Amino acid sequence: MIPRSEVQRLAHRLKMNELILEKDYVLTWILLGIADSVLYPLLAFKGGTALKKIYFHNYRFSEDLDFTVLEKVESNDLISGLERVIFDLSKSQGFQFAIP
């Protein structure tokens, strides 16, 4: 996990809210987790976060991840894959996730 002092330093340098910066950090790790999982060939990343991460680095910060499913897949398989990504990130990065 990124130290609080680093979040504060980067937020000040980038002139952005600390919570948004921290969310962006976690979303980036989730994307890396998906890219390294069985979900990778099944999902196409799209939306505001995709625009910012891939094409327009100065684009507005988006706080969600949008995907299109590329192949027919059972929803339980998608859920299991996402749960695996979250579990692995919790172990490797010390993240704590709450899914409402």
PDB file of N, CA and C in Angstrom:
ATOM      1  N   MET A   1       0.847  -1.179   0.000  1.00  0.00           N
ATOM      2  CA  MET A   1       0.000   0.000   0.000  1.00  0.00           C
ATOM      3  C   MET A   1       0.890   1.239   0.000  1.00  0.00           C
ATOM      4  N   ILE A   2       0.430   2.256  -0.642  1.00  0.00           N
ATOM      5  CA  ILE A   2       1.178   3.503  -0.725  1.00  0.00           C
ATOM      6  C   ILE A   2       1.108   4.229   0.628  1.00  0.00           C
ATOM      7  N   PRO A   3       2.242   4.678   1.137  1.00  0.00           N
ATOM      8  CA  PRO A   3       2.233   5.381   2.429  1.00  0.00           C
ATOM      9  C   PRO A   3       1.423   6.679   2.353  1.00  0.00           C
ATOM     10  N   ARG A   4       0.751   7.015   3.448  1.00  0.00           N
ATOM     11  CA  ARG A   4      -0.064   8.233   3.526  1.00  0.00           C
ATOM     12  C   ARG A   4       0.758   9.457   3.133  1.00  0.00           C
ATOM     13  N   SER A   5       2.014   9.526   3.571  1.00  0.00           N
ATOM     14  CA  SER A   5       2.856  10.689   3.249  1.00  0.00           C
ATOM     15  C   SER A   5       3.067  10.829   1.743  1.00  0.00           C
ATOM     16  N   GLU A   6       3.156   9.703   1.035  1.00  0.00           N
ATOM     17  CA  GLU A   6       3.328   9.744  -0.417  1.00  0.00           C
ATOM     18  C   GLU A   6       2.040  10.204  -1.102  1.00  0.00           C
ATOM     19  N   VAL A   7       0.900   9.755  -0.590  1.00  0.00           N
ATOM     20  CA  VAL A   7      -0.392  10.221  -1.118  1.00  0.00           C
ATOM     21  C   VAL A   7      -0.488  11.733  -0.952  1.00  0.00           C
ATOM     22  N   GLN A   8      -0.145  12.222   0.225  1.00  0.00           N
ATOM     23  CA  GLN A   8      -0.209  13.664   0.486  1.00  0.00           C
ATOM     24  C   GLN A   8       0.738  14.435  -0.421  1.00  0.00           C
ATOM     25  N   ARG A   9       1.952  13.937  -0.591  1.00  0.00           N
ATOM     26  CA  ARG A   9       2.938  14.616  -1.429  1.00  0.00           C
ATOM     27  C   ARG A   9       2.480  14.674  -2.886  1.00  0.00           C
ATOM     28  N   LEU A  10       2.021  13.535  -3.405  1.00  0.00           N
ATOM     29  CA  LEU A  10       1.562  13.493  -4.793  1.00  0.00           C
ATOM     30  C   LEU A  10       0.312  14.339  -5.007  1.00  0.00           C
ATOM     31  N   ALA A  11      -0.623  14.278  -4.064  1.00  0.00           N
ATOM     32  CA  ALA A  11      -1.853  15.067  -4.185  1.00  0.00           C
ATOM     33  C   ALA A  11      -1.521  16.554  -4.224  1.00  0.00           C
ATOM     34  N   HIS A  12      -0.591  16.972  -3.404  1.00  0.00           N
ATOM     35  CA  HIS A  12      -0.181  18.380  -3.401  1.00  0.00           C
ATOM     36  C   HIS A  12       0.482  18.747  -4.730  1.00  0.00           C
ATOM     37  N   ARG A  13       1.385  17.898  -5.197  1.00  0.00           N
ATOM     38  CA  ARG A  13       2.091  18.169  -6.452  1.00  0.00           C
ATOM     39  C   ARG A  13       1.142  18.202  -7.651  1.00  0.00           C
ATOM     40  N   LEU A  14       0.173  17.291  -7.660  1.00  0.00           N
ATOM     41  CA  LEU A  14      -0.772  17.202  -8.776  1.00  0.00           C
ATOM     42  C   LEU A  14      -1.998  18.096  -8.593  1.00  0.00           C
ATOM     43  N   LYS A  15      -2.072  18.746  -7.429  1.00  0.00           N
ATOM     44  CA  LYS A  15      -3.208  19.619  -7.102  1.00  0.00           C
ATOM     45  C   LYS A  15      -4.536  18.872  -7.210  1.00  0.00           C
ATOM     46  N   MET A  16      -4.593  17.765  -6.509  1.00  0.00           N
ATOM     47  CA  MET A  16      -5.821  16.977  -6.525  1.00  0.00           C
ATOM     48  C   MET A  16      -6.147  16.457  -5.134  1.00  0.00           C
ATOM     49  N   ASN A  17      -7.367  16.034  -4.964  1.00  0.00           N
ATOM     50  CA  ASN A  17      -7.853  15.507  -3.708  1.00  0.00           C
ATOM     51  C   ASN A  17      -7.140  14.191  -3.373  1.00  0.00           C
ATOM     52  N   GLU A  18      -6.740  14.039  -2.122  1.00  0.00           N
ATOM     53  CA  GLU A  18      -6.031  12.830  -1.693  1.00  0.00           C
ATOM     54  C   GLU A  18      -6.864  11.564  -1.880  1.00  0.00           C
ATOM     55  N   LEU A  19      -8.155  11.637  -1.589  1.00  0.00           N
ATOM     56  CA  LEU A  19      -9.007  10.451  -1.733  1.00  0.00           C
ATOM     57  C   LEU A  19      -9.115  10.008  -3.187  1.00  0.00           C
ATOM     58  N   ILE A  20      -9.200  10.964  -4.100  1.00  0.00           N
ATOM     59  CA  ILE A  20      -9.269  10.621  -5.524  1.00  0.00           C
ATOM     60  C   ILE A  20      -7.959   9.983  -5.970  1.00  0.00           C
ATOM     61  N   LEU A  21      -6.843  10.533  -5.521  1.00  0.00           N
ATOM     62  CA  LEU A  21      -5.539   9.967  -5.865  1.00  0.00           C
ATOM     63  C   LEU A  21      -5.410   8.538  -5.337  1.00  0.00           C
ATOM     64  N   GLU A  22      -5.844   8.334  -4.111  1.00  0.00           N
ATOM     65  CA  GLU A  22      -5.760   6.998  -3.521  1.00  0.00           C
ATOM     66  C   GLU A  22      -6.667   6.011  -4.270  1.00  0.00           C
ATOM     67  N   LYS A  23      -7.869   6.451  -4.648  1.00  0.00           N
ATOM     68  CA  LYS A  23      -8.761   5.590  -5.437  1.00  0.00           C
ATOM     69  C   LYS A  23      -8.126   5.237  -6.774  1.00  0.00           C
ATOM     70  N   ASP A  24      -7.505   6.219  -7.410  1.00  0.00           N
ATOM     71  CA  ASP A  24      -6.852   5.966  -8.694  1.00  0.00           C
ATOM     72  C   ASP A  24      -5.726   4.945  -8.535  1.00  0.00           C
ATOM     73  N   TYR A  25      -4.998   5.037  -7.451  1.00  0.00           N
ATOM     74  CA  TYR A  25      -3.923   4.091  -7.152  1.00  0.00           C
ATOM     75  C   TYR A  25      -4.481   2.665  -7.033  1.00  0.00           C
ATOM     76  N   VAL A  26      -5.568   2.519  -6.291  1.00  0.00           N
ATOM     77  CA  VAL A  26      -6.172   1.197  -6.102  1.00  0.00           C
ATOM     78  C   VAL A  26      -6.765   0.680  -7.414  1.00  0.00           C
ATOM     79  N   LEU A  27      -7.435   1.557  -8.176  1.00  0.00           N
ATOM     80  CA  LEU A  27      -7.988   1.140  -9.470  1.00  0.00           C
ATOM     81  C   LEU A  27      -6.886   0.647 -10.401  1.00  0.00           C
ATOM     82  N   THR A  28      -5.732   1.293 -10.347  1.00  0.00           N
ATOM     83  CA  THR A  28      -4.603   0.860 -11.175  1.00  0.00           C
ATOM     84  C   THR A  28      -4.166  -0.547 -10.783  1.00  0.00           C
ATOM     85  N   TRP A  29      -4.101  -0.822  -9.493  1.00  0.00           N
ATOM     86  CA  TRP A  29      -3.742  -2.166  -9.044  1.00  0.00           C
ATOM     87  C   TRP A  29      -4.789  -3.193  -9.461  1.00  0.00           C
ATOM     88  N   ILE A  30      -6.066  -2.807  -9.413  1.00  0.00           N
ATOM     89  CA  ILE A  30      -7.120  -3.728  -9.854  1.00  0.00           C
ATOM     90  C   ILE A  30      -6.957  -4.040 -11.338  1.00  0.00           C
ATOM     91  N   LEU A  31      -6.669  -3.021 -12.138  1.00  0.00           N
ATOM     92  CA  LEU A  31      -6.431  -3.249 -13.574  1.00  0.00           C
ATOM     93  C   LEU A  31      -5.258  -4.195 -13.792  1.00  0.00           C
ATOM     94  N   LEU A  32      -4.186  -4.007 -13.038  1.00  0.00           N
ATOM     95  CA  LEU A  32      -3.035  -4.903 -13.148  1.00  0.00           C
ATOM     96  C   LEU A  32      -3.420  -6.326 -12.750  1.00  0.00           C
ATOM     97  N   GLY A  33      -4.243  -6.443 -11.711  1.00  0.00           N
ATOM     98  CA  GLY A  33      -4.701  -7.762 -11.281  1.00  0.00           C
ATOM     99  C   GLY A  33      -5.549  -8.445 -12.341  1.00  0.00           C
ATOM    100  N   ILE A  34      -6.430  -7.689 -12.978  1.00  0.00           N
ATOM    101  CA  ILE A  34      -7.262  -8.250 -14.047  1.00  0.00           C
ATOM    102  C   ILE A  34      -6.391  -8.662 -15.226  1.00  0.00           C
ATOM    103  N   ALA A  35      -5.412  -7.827 -15.556  1.00  0.00           N
ATOM    104  CA  ALA A  35      -4.520  -8.130 -16.687  1.00  0.00           C
ATOM    105  C   ALA A  35      -3.720  -9.404 -16.447  1.00  0.00           C
ATOM    106  N   ASP A  36      -3.527  -9.755 -15.191  1.00  0.00           N
ATOM    107  CA  ASP A  36      -2.745 -10.937 -14.835  1.00  0.00           C
ATOM    108  C   ASP A  36      -3.647 -12.115 -14.439  1.00  0.00           C
ATOM    109  N   SER A  37      -4.912 -12.054 -14.841  1.00  0.00           N
ATOM    110  CA  SER A  37      -5.863 -13.091 -14.430  1.00  0.00           C
ATOM    111  C   SER A  37      -6.529 -13.746 -15.638  1.00  0.00           C
ATOM    112  N   VAL A  38      -7.356 -14.734 -15.343  1.00  0.00           N
ATOM    113  CA  VAL A  38      -8.112 -15.415 -16.401  1.00  0.00           C
ATOM    114  C   VAL A  38      -9.135 -14.490 -17.051  1.00  0.00           C
ATOM    115  N   LEU A  39      -9.415 -13.360 -16.428  1.00  0.00           N
ATOM    116  CA  LEU A  39     -10.390 -12.413 -16.975  1.00  0.00           C
ATOM    117  C   LEU A  39      -9.840 -11.606 -18.146  1.00  0.00           C
ATOM    118  N   TYR A  40      -8.522 -11.514 -18.234  1.00  0.00           N
ATOM    119  CA  TYR A  40      -7.896 -10.639 -19.232  1.00  0.00           C
ATOM    120  C   TYR A  40      -8.443 -10.814 -20.647  1.00  0.00           C
ATOM    121  N   PRO A  41      -8.534 -12.032 -21.188  1.00  0.00           N
ATOM    122  CA  PRO A  41      -9.023 -12.156 -22.572  1.00  0.00           C
ATOM    123  C   PRO A  41     -10.538 -11.981 -22.709  1.00  0.00           C
ATOM    124  N   LEU A  42     -11.235 -11.902 -21.587  1.00  0.00           N
ATOM    125  CA  LEU A  42     -12.695 -11.829 -21.621  1.00  0.00           C
ATOM    126  C   LEU A  42     -13.245 -10.409 -21.566  1.00  0.00           C
ATOM    127  N   LEU A  43     -12.418  -9.449 -21.151  1.00  0.00           N
ATOM    128  CA  LEU A  43     -12.907  -8.098 -20.883  1.00  0.00           C
ATOM    129  C   LEU A  43     -12.200  -7.049 -21.723  1.00  0.00           C
ATOM    130  N   ALA A  44     -12.977  -6.077 -22.215  1.00  0.00           N
ATOM    131  CA  ALA A  44     -12.423  -4.905 -22.898  1.00  0.00           C
ATOM    132  C   ALA A  44     -12.627  -3.704 -21.981  1.00  0.00           C
ATOM    133  N   PHE A  45     -11.548  -3.048 -21.635  1.00  0.00           N
ATOM    134  CA  PHE A  45     -11.559  -1.886 -20.757  1.00  0.00           C
ATOM    135  C   PHE A  45     -12.054  -0.683 -21.546  1.00  0.00           C
ATOM    136  N   LYS A  46     -13.013   0.067 -20.977  1.00  0.00           N
ATOM    137  CA  LYS A  46     -13.578   1.218 -21.682  1.00  0.00           C
ATOM    138  C   LYS A  46     -13.978   2.291 -20.671  1.00  0.00           C
ATOM    139  N   GLY A  47     -14.446   3.427 -21.156  1.00  0.00           N
ATOM    140  CA  GLY A  47     -14.962   4.476 -20.280  1.00  0.00           C
ATOM    141  C   GLY A  47     -13.925   5.525 -19.930  1.00  0.00           C
ATOM    142  N   GLY A  48     -14.301   6.386 -19.000  1.00  0.00           N
ATOM    143  CA  GLY A  48     -13.469   7.522 -18.611  1.00  0.00           C
ATOM    144  C   GLY A  48     -12.110   7.136 -18.056  1.00  0.00           C
ATOM    145  N   THR A  49     -12.071   6.118 -17.223  1.00  0.00           N
ATOM    146  CA  THR A  49     -10.788   5.689 -16.663  1.00  0.00           C
ATOM    147  C   THR A  49      -9.890   5.138 -17.761  1.00  0.00           C
ATOM    148  N   ALA A  50     -10.467   4.416 -18.714  1.00  0.00           N
ATOM    149  CA  ALA A  50      -9.676   3.897 -19.839  1.00  0.00           C
ATOM    150  C   ALA A  50      -9.101   5.043 -20.655  1.00  0.00           C
ATOM    151  N   LEU A  51      -9.919   6.056 -20.930  1.00  0.00           N
ATOM    152  CA  LEU A  51      -9.417   7.215 -21.681  1.00  0.00           C
ATOM    153  C   LEU A  51      -8.234   7.851 -20.964  1.00  0.00           C
ATOM    154  N   LYS A  52      -8.365   8.022 -19.647  1.00  0.00           N
ATOM    155  CA  LYS A  52      -7.295   8.662 -18.878  1.00  0.00           C
ATOM    156  C   LYS A  52      -6.039   7.792 -18.827  1.00  0.00           C
ATOM    157  N   LYS A  53      -6.210   6.529 -18.533  1.00  0.00           N
ATOM    158  CA  LYS A  53      -5.052   5.650 -18.361  1.00  0.00           C
ATOM    159  C   LYS A  53      -4.314   5.380 -19.671  1.00  0.00           C
ATOM    160  N   ILE A  54      -5.045   5.317 -20.780  1.00  0.00           N
ATOM    161  CA  ILE A  54      -4.433   4.890 -22.037  1.00  0.00           C
ATOM    162  C   ILE A  54      -4.091   6.044 -22.970  1.00  0.00           C
ATOM    163  N   TYR A  55      -4.994   7.011 -23.090  1.00  0.00           N
ATOM    164  CA  TYR A  55      -4.825   8.021 -24.132  1.00  0.00           C
ATOM    165  C   TYR A  55      -4.554   9.441 -23.639  1.00  0.00           C
ATOM    166  N   PHE A  56      -5.322   9.891 -22.670  1.00  0.00           N
ATOM    167  CA  PHE A  56      -5.282  11.297 -22.271  1.00  0.00           C
ATOM    168  C   PHE A  56      -4.929  11.413 -20.792  1.00  0.00           C
ATOM    169  N   HIS A  57      -3.658  11.515 -20.492  1.00  0.00           N
ATOM    170  CA  HIS A  57      -3.216  11.522 -19.093  1.00  0.00           C
ATOM    171  C   HIS A  57      -3.708  12.742 -18.326  1.00  0.00           C
ATOM    172  N   ASN A  58      -4.081  13.791 -19.017  1.00  0.00           N
ATOM    173  CA  ASN A  58      -4.618  14.981 -18.358  1.00  0.00           C
ATOM    174  C   ASN A  58      -6.140  14.990 -18.327  1.00  0.00           C
ATOM    175  N   TYR A  59      -6.757  13.903 -18.772  1.00  0.00           N
ATOM    176  CA  TYR A  59      -8.214  13.773 -18.763  1.00  0.00           C
ATOM    177  C   TYR A  59      -8.699  13.738 -17.320  1.00  0.00           C
ATOM    178  N   ARG A  60      -9.965  14.050 -17.121  1.00  0.00           N
ATOM    179  CA  ARG A  60     -10.542  14.070 -15.771  1.00  0.00           C
ATOM    180  C   ARG A  60     -10.341  12.716 -15.080  1.00  0.00           C
ATOM    181  N   PHE A  61     -10.267  12.752 -13.758  1.00  0.00           N
ATOM    182  CA  PHE A  61     -10.166  11.510 -13.004  1.00  0.00           C
ATOM    183  C   PHE A  61     -11.538  10.865 -12.931  1.00  0.00           C
ATOM    184  N   SER A  62     -11.585   9.601 -13.202  1.00  0.00           N
ATOM    185  CA  SER A  62     -12.812   8.825 -13.111  1.00  0.00           C
ATOM    186  C   SER A  62     -12.615   7.830 -11.976  1.00  0.00           C
ATOM    187  N   GLU A  63     -13.681   7.523 -11.283  1.00  0.00           N
ATOM    188  CA  GLU A  63     -13.560   6.702 -10.081  1.00  0.00           C
ATOM    189  C   GLU A  63     -14.154   5.309 -10.230  1.00  0.00           C
ATOM    190  N   ASP A  64     -14.291   4.851 -11.471  1.00  0.00           N
ATOM    191  CA  ASP A  64     -14.824   3.509 -11.660  1.00  0.00           C
ATOM    192  C   ASP A  64     -14.125   2.836 -12.833  1.00  0.00           C
ATOM    193  N   LEU A  65     -14.367   1.554 -12.969  1.00  0.00           N
ATOM    194  CA  LEU A  65     -13.809   0.778 -14.071  1.00  0.00           C
ATOM    195  C   LEU A  65     -14.967   0.219 -14.886  1.00  0.00           C
ATOM    196  N   ASP A  66     -14.937   0.477 -16.182  1.00  0.00           N
ATOM    197  CA  ASP A  66     -15.984  -0.004 -17.082  1.00  0.00           C
ATOM    198  C   ASP A  66     -15.392  -1.023 -18.050  1.00  0.00           C
ATOM    199  N   PHE A  67     -16.134  -2.114 -18.262  1.00  0.00           N
ATOM    200  CA  PHE A  67     -15.685  -3.171 -19.159  1.00  0.00           C
ATOM    201  C   PHE A  67     -16.837  -3.651 -20.026  1.00  0.00           C
ATOM    202  N   THR A  68     -16.493  -4.169 -21.186  1.00  0.00           N
ATOM    203  CA  THR A  68     -17.416  -4.919 -22.024  1.00  0.00           C
ATOM    204  C   THR A  68     -16.936  -6.364 -22.018  1.00  0.00           C
ATOM    205  N   VAL A  69     -17.864  -7.287 -21.858  1.00  0.00           N
ATOM    206  CA  VAL A  69     -17.526  -8.708 -21.904  1.00  0.00           C
ATOM    207  C   VAL A  69     -17.448  -9.116 -23.371  1.00  0.00           C
ATOM    208  N   LEU A  70     -16.311  -9.679 -23.779  1.00  0.00           N
ATOM    209  CA  LEU A  70     -16.043  -9.985 -25.183  1.00  0.00           C
ATOM    210  C   LEU A  70     -16.566 -11.341 -25.641  1.00  0.00           C
ATOM    211  N   GLU A  71     -16.759 -12.244 -24.712  1.00  0.00           N
ATOM    212  CA  GLU A  71     -17.211 -13.593 -25.050  1.00  0.00           C
ATOM    213  C   GLU A  71     -18.351 -13.990 -24.123  1.00  0.00           C
ATOM    214  N   LYS A  72     -19.091 -14.979 -24.555  1.00  0.00           N
ATOM    215  CA  LYS A  72     -20.140 -15.510 -23.687  1.00  0.00           C
ATOM    216  C   LYS A  72     -19.460 -16.188 -22.496  1.00  0.00           C
ATOM    217  N   VAL A  73     -19.831 -15.739 -21.328  1.00  0.00           N
ATOM    218  CA  VAL A  73     -19.244 -16.290 -20.106  1.00  0.00           C
ATOM    219  C   VAL A  73     -20.307 -16.234 -19.009  1.00  0.00           C
ATOM    220  N   GLU A  74     -20.298 -17.221 -18.171  1.00  0.00           N
ATOM    221  CA  GLU A  74     -21.252 -17.264 -17.065  1.00  0.00           C
ATOM    222  C   GLU A  74     -20.944 -16.144 -16.072  1.00  0.00           C
ATOM    223  N   SER A  75     -21.990 -15.504 -15.568  1.00  0.00           N
ATOM    224  CA  SER A  75     -21.780 -14.411 -14.612  1.00  0.00           C
ATOM    225  C   SER A  75     -21.059 -14.903 -13.361  1.00  0.00           C
ATOM    226  N   ASN A  76     -21.315 -16.147 -12.948  1.00  0.00           N
ATOM    227  CA  ASN A  76     -20.615 -16.699 -11.778  1.00  0.00           C
ATOM    228  C   ASN A  76     -19.111 -16.804 -12.024  1.00  0.00           C
ATOM    229  N   ASP A  77     -18.715 -17.087 -13.268  1.00  0.00           N
ATOM    230  CA  ASP A  77     -17.290 -17.158 -13.595  1.00  0.00           C
ATOM    231  C   ASP A  77     -16.649 -15.773 -13.524  1.00  0.00           C
ATOM    232  N   LEU A  78     -17.376 -14.749 -13.985  1.00  0.00           N
ATOM    233  CA  LEU A  78     -16.865 -13.377 -13.877  1.00  0.00           C
ATOM    234  C   LEU A  78     -16.720 -12.970 -12.416  1.00  0.00           C
ATOM    235  N   ILE A  79     -17.741 -13.265 -11.637  1.00  0.00           N
ATOM    236  CA  ILE A  79     -17.702 -12.921 -10.215  1.00  0.00           C
ATOM    237  C   ILE A  79     -16.554 -13.642  -9.525  1.00  0.00           C
ATOM    238  N   SER A  80     -16.385 -14.925  -9.799  1.00  0.00           N
ATOM    239  CA  SER A  80     -15.283 -15.691  -9.196  1.00  0.00           C
ATOM    240  C   SER A  80     -13.933 -15.113  -9.591  1.00  0.00           C
ATOM    241  N   GLY A  81     -13.796 -14.732 -10.863  1.00  0.00           N
ATOM    242  CA  GLY A  81     -12.546 -14.138 -11.324  1.00  0.00           C
ATOM    243  C   GLY A  81     -12.248 -12.826 -10.629  1.00  0.00           C
ATOM    244  N   LEU A  82     -13.270 -11.982 -10.484  1.00  0.00           N
ATOM    245  CA  LEU A  82     -13.076 -10.701  -9.791  1.00  0.00           C
ATOM    246  C   LEU A  82     -12.776 -10.908  -8.309  1.00  0.00           C
ATOM    247  N   GLU A  83     -13.459 -11.853  -7.693  1.00  0.00           N
ATOM    248  CA  GLU A  83     -13.177 -12.156  -6.285  1.00  0.00           C
ATOM    249  C   GLU A  83     -11.735 -12.622  -6.117  1.00  0.00           C
ATOM    250  N   ARG A  84     -11.238 -13.395  -7.067  1.00  0.00           N
ATOM    251  CA  ARG A  84      -9.851 -13.872  -7.010  1.00  0.00           C
ATOM    252  C   ARG A  84      -8.879 -12.701  -7.114  1.00  0.00           C
ATOM    253  N   VAL A  85      -9.153 -11.784  -8.046  1.00  0.00           N
ATOM    254  CA  VAL A  85      -8.307 -10.595  -8.202  1.00  0.00           C
ATOM    255  C   VAL A  85      -8.279  -9.801  -6.896  1.00  0.00           C
ATOM    256  N   ILE A  86      -9.448  -9.571  -6.309  1.00  0.00           N
ATOM    257  CA  ILE A  86      -9.544  -8.807  -5.059  1.00  0.00           C
ATOM    258  C   ILE A  86      -8.819  -9.536  -3.924  1.00  0.00           C
ATOM    259  N   PHE A  87      -9.005 -10.835  -3.828  1.00  0.00           N
ATOM    260  CA  PHE A  87      -8.335 -11.621  -2.792  1.00  0.00           C
ATOM    261  C   PHE A  87      -6.817 -11.524  -2.934  1.00  0.00           C
ATOM    262  N   ASP A  88      -6.325 -11.704  -4.160  1.00  0.00           N
ATOM    263  CA  ASP A  88      -4.881 -11.645  -4.400  1.00  0.00           C
ATOM    264  C   ASP A  88      -4.312 -10.267  -4.069  1.00  0.00           C
ATOM    265  N   LEU A  89      -5.038  -9.201  -4.435  1.00  0.00           N
ATOM    266  CA  LEU A  89      -4.569  -7.850  -4.117  1.00  0.00           C
ATOM    267  C   LEU A  89      -4.606  -7.583  -2.616  1.00  0.00           C
ATOM    268  N   SER A  90      -5.596  -8.121  -1.947  1.00  0.00           N
ATOM    269  CA  SER A  90      -5.664  -7.965  -0.493  1.00  0.00           C
ATOM    270  C   SER A  90      -4.434  -8.574   0.165  1.00  0.00           C
ATOM    271  N   LYS A  91      -4.031  -9.743  -0.329  1.00  0.00           N
ATOM    272  CA  LYS A  91      -2.854 -10.412   0.231  1.00  0.00           C
ATOM    273  C   LYS A  91      -1.558  -9.710  -0.156  1.00  0.00           C
ATOM    274  N   SER A  92      -1.405  -9.381  -1.433  1.00  0.00           N
ATOM    275  CA  SER A  92      -0.121  -8.858  -1.909  1.00  0.00           C
ATOM    276  C   SER A  92       0.096  -7.382  -1.586  1.00  0.00           C
ATOM    277  N   GLN A  93      -0.975  -6.589  -1.564  1.00  0.00           N
ATOM    278  CA  GLN A  93      -0.831  -5.149  -1.366  1.00  0.00           C
ATOM    279  C   GLN A  93      -1.392  -4.649  -0.042  1.00  0.00           C
ATOM    280  N   GLY A  94      -2.064  -5.524   0.688  1.00  0.00           N
ATOM    281  CA  GLY A  94      -2.626  -5.129   1.975  1.00  0.00           C
ATOM    282  C   GLY A  94      -3.893  -4.293   1.858  1.00  0.00           C
ATOM    283  N   PHE A  95      -4.542  -4.337   0.706  1.00  0.00           N
ATOM    284  CA  PHE A  95      -5.783  -3.591   0.529  1.00  0.00           C
ATOM    285  C   PHE A  95      -6.904  -4.259   1.317  1.00  0.00           C
ATOM    286  N   GLN A  96      -7.852  -3.449   1.748  1.00  0.00           N
ATOM    287  CA  GLN A  96      -9.066  -3.960   2.370  1.00  0.00           C
ATOM    288  C   GLN A  96     -10.233  -3.477   1.525  1.00  0.00           C
ATOM    289  N   PHE A  97     -11.015  -4.408   1.026  1.00  0.00           N
ATOM    290  CA  PHE A  97     -12.142  -4.078   0.165  1.00  0.00           C
ATOM    291  C   PHE A  97     -13.445  -4.403   0.874  1.00  0.00           C
ATOM    292  N   ALA A  98     -14.449  -3.573   0.635  1.00  0.00           N
ATOM    293  CA  ALA A  98     -15.804  -3.840   1.110  1.00  0.00           C
ATOM    294  C   ALA A  98     -16.719  -3.767  -0.098  1.00  0.00           C
ATOM    295  N   ILE A  99     -17.415  -4.846  -0.369  1.00  0.00           N
ATOM    296  CA  ILE A  99     -18.347  -4.876  -1.488  1.00  0.00           C
ATOM    297  C   ILE A  99     -19.753  -4.793  -0.909  1.00  0.00           C
ATOM    298  N   PRO A 100     -20.458  -3.685  -1.199  1.00  0.00           N
ATOM    299  CA  PRO A 100     -21.799  -3.499  -0.605  1.00  0.00           C
ATOM    300  C   PRO A 100     -22.806  -4.477  -1.167  1.00  0.00           C
TER     301      PRO A 100
END
